[in-house]
Amino acid sequence: MFGLGVPELVLILVIGLVIFGPGKLPSIGNALGKSLKEFKEAVHEPAAAKEDIKETVSEAVSPASTENHGK
């Protein structure tokens, strides 16, 4: 995970706790988690759209190619 070990993660957590305080830290973590989830979904979205386009094109081409072979 980005070359970070347990000591580095603990240090980041302590610094975050000092800067934001214990009341704000859970909401910041929640917002960060949601952002990361949305980013992952956005990264995978083009691949899914590409597959949909491939399926649509192959469905459109298949009937046309069988009609041309019969002539």
C-alpha atoms as a PDB file:
ATOM      1  CA  MET A   1       0.000   0.000   0.000  1.00  0.00           C
ATOM      2  CA  PHE A   2       2.174   2.833  -1.325  1.00  0.00           C
ATOM      3  CA  GLY A   3       5.153   1.510   0.652  1.00  0.00           C
ATOM      4  CA  LEU A   4       3.575   2.541   3.959  1.00  0.00           C
ATOM      5  CA  GLY A   5       3.985   0.282   6.932  1.00  0.00           C
ATOM      6  CA  VAL A   6       2.193   0.205  10.250  1.00  0.00           C
ATOM      7  CA  PRO A   7       4.433   2.838  11.914  1.00  0.00           C
ATOM      8  CA  GLU A   8       3.832   5.308   9.097  1.00  0.00           C
ATOM      9  CA  LEU A   9       0.072   4.773   9.190  1.00  0.00           C
ATOM     10  CA  VAL A  10       0.012   5.246  12.975  1.00  0.00           C
ATOM     11  CA  LEU A  11       2.004   8.470  12.594  1.00  0.00           C
ATOM     12  CA  ILE A  12      -0.429   9.762   9.953  1.00  0.00           C
ATOM     13  CA  LEU A  13      -3.376   8.877  12.204  1.00  0.00           C
ATOM     14  CA  VAL A  14      -1.817  10.676  15.194  1.00  0.00           C
ATOM     15  CA  ILE A  15      -1.081  13.777  13.109  1.00  0.00           C
ATOM     16  CA  GLY A  16      -4.661  13.743  11.801  1.00  0.00           C
ATOM     17  CA  LEU A  17      -5.967  13.381  15.341  1.00  0.00           C
ATOM     18  CA  VAL A  18      -3.897  16.355  16.515  1.00  0.00           C
ATOM     19  CA  ILE A  19      -4.883  18.565  13.580  1.00  0.00           C
ATOM     20  CA  PHE A  20      -8.598  17.762  13.293  1.00  0.00           C
ATOM     21  CA  GLY A  21      -9.431  16.498  16.769  1.00  0.00           C
ATOM     22  CA  PRO A  22     -11.316  13.362  17.771  1.00  0.00           C
ATOM     23  CA  GLY A  23     -14.727  14.794  16.830  1.00  0.00           C
ATOM     24  CA  LYS A  24     -13.946  15.549  13.184  1.00  0.00           C
ATOM     25  CA  LEU A  25     -11.728  12.551  12.407  1.00  0.00           C
ATOM     26  CA  PRO A  26     -14.552   9.992  11.823  1.00  0.00           C
ATOM     27  CA  SER A  27     -16.388  12.310   9.424  1.00  0.00           C
ATOM     28  CA  ILE A  28     -13.171  12.981   7.504  1.00  0.00           C
ATOM     29  CA  GLY A  29     -12.492   9.250   7.281  1.00  0.00           C
ATOM     30  CA  ASN A  30     -16.044   8.651   6.070  1.00  0.00           C
ATOM     31  CA  ALA A  31     -15.724  11.328   3.377  1.00  0.00           C
ATOM     32  CA  LEU A  32     -12.357   9.937   2.297  1.00  0.00           C
ATOM     33  CA  GLY A  33     -13.798   6.422   2.052  1.00  0.00           C
ATOM     34  CA  LYS A  34     -16.745   7.594  -0.051  1.00  0.00           C
ATOM     35  CA  SER A  35     -14.423   9.518  -2.349  1.00  0.00           C
ATOM     36  CA  LEU A  36     -12.200   6.488  -2.817  1.00  0.00           C
ATOM     37  CA  LYS A  37     -15.212   4.276  -3.577  1.00  0.00           C
ATOM     38  CA  GLU A  38     -16.545   6.736  -6.167  1.00  0.00           C
ATOM     39  CA  PHE A  39     -13.091   6.987  -7.753  1.00  0.00           C
ATOM     40  CA  LYS A  40     -12.843   3.204  -8.087  1.00  0.00           C
ATOM     41  CA  GLU A  41     -16.314   3.059  -9.654  1.00  0.00           C
ATOM     42  CA  ALA A  42     -15.376   5.827 -12.090  1.00  0.00           C
ATOM     43  CA  VAL A  43     -12.209   3.984 -13.085  1.00  0.00           C
ATOM     44  CA  HIS A  44     -14.117   0.780 -13.845  1.00  0.00           C
ATOM     45  CA  GLU A  45     -16.985   2.564 -15.616  1.00  0.00           C
ATOM     46  CA  PRO A  46     -15.204   3.062 -18.991  1.00  0.00           C
ATOM     47  CA  ALA A  47     -14.409  -0.658 -19.188  1.00  0.00           C
ATOM     48  CA  ALA A  48     -18.070  -1.532 -18.659  1.00  0.00           C
ATOM     49  CA  ALA A  49     -19.131   1.020 -21.274  1.00  0.00           C
ATOM     50  CA  LYS A  50     -16.590  -0.430 -23.694  1.00  0.00           C
ATOM     51  CA  GLU A  51     -18.058  -3.917 -23.229  1.00  0.00           C
ATOM     52  CA  ASP A  52     -21.578  -2.558 -23.809  1.00  0.00           C
ATOM     53  CA  ILE A  53     -20.439  -0.921 -27.042  1.00  0.00           C
ATOM     54  CA  LYS A  54     -18.763  -4.140 -28.207  1.00  0.00           C
ATOM     55  CA  GLU A  55     -21.949  -6.126 -27.536  1.00  0.00           C
ATOM     56  CA  THR A  56     -24.121  -3.577 -29.332  1.00  0.00           C
ATOM     57  CA  VAL A  57     -21.839  -3.484 -32.367  1.00  0.00           C
ATOM     58  CA  SER A  58     -21.555  -7.262 -32.562  1.00  0.00           C
ATOM     59  CA  GLU A  59     -25.350  -7.604 -32.339  1.00  0.00           C
ATOM     60  CA  ALA A  60     -25.802  -5.011 -35.070  1.00  0.00           C
ATOM     61  CA  VAL A  61     -23.144  -6.549 -37.312  1.00  0.00           C
ATOM     62  CA  SER A  62     -24.231 -10.181 -36.926  1.00  0.00           C
ATOM     63  CA  PRO A  63     -27.634  -9.868 -38.643  1.00  0.00           C
ATOM     64  CA  ALA A  64     -26.145  -7.642 -41.341  1.00  0.00           C
ATOM     65  CA  SER A  65     -23.341 -10.095 -42.085  1.00  0.00           C
ATOM     66  CA  THR A  66     -25.732 -13.066 -42.322  1.00  0.00           C
ATOM     67  CA  GLU A  67     -27.952 -11.116 -44.721  1.00  0.00           C
ATOM     68  CA  ASN A  68     -24.973 -10.304 -46.957  1.00  0.00           C
ATOM     69  CA  HIS A  69     -23.792 -13.921 -47.067  1.00  0.00           C
ATOM     70  CA  GLY A  70     -27.167 -15.091 -48.319  1.00  0.00           C
ATOM     71  CA  LYS A  71     -27.056 -12.844 -51.392  1.00  0.00           C
END
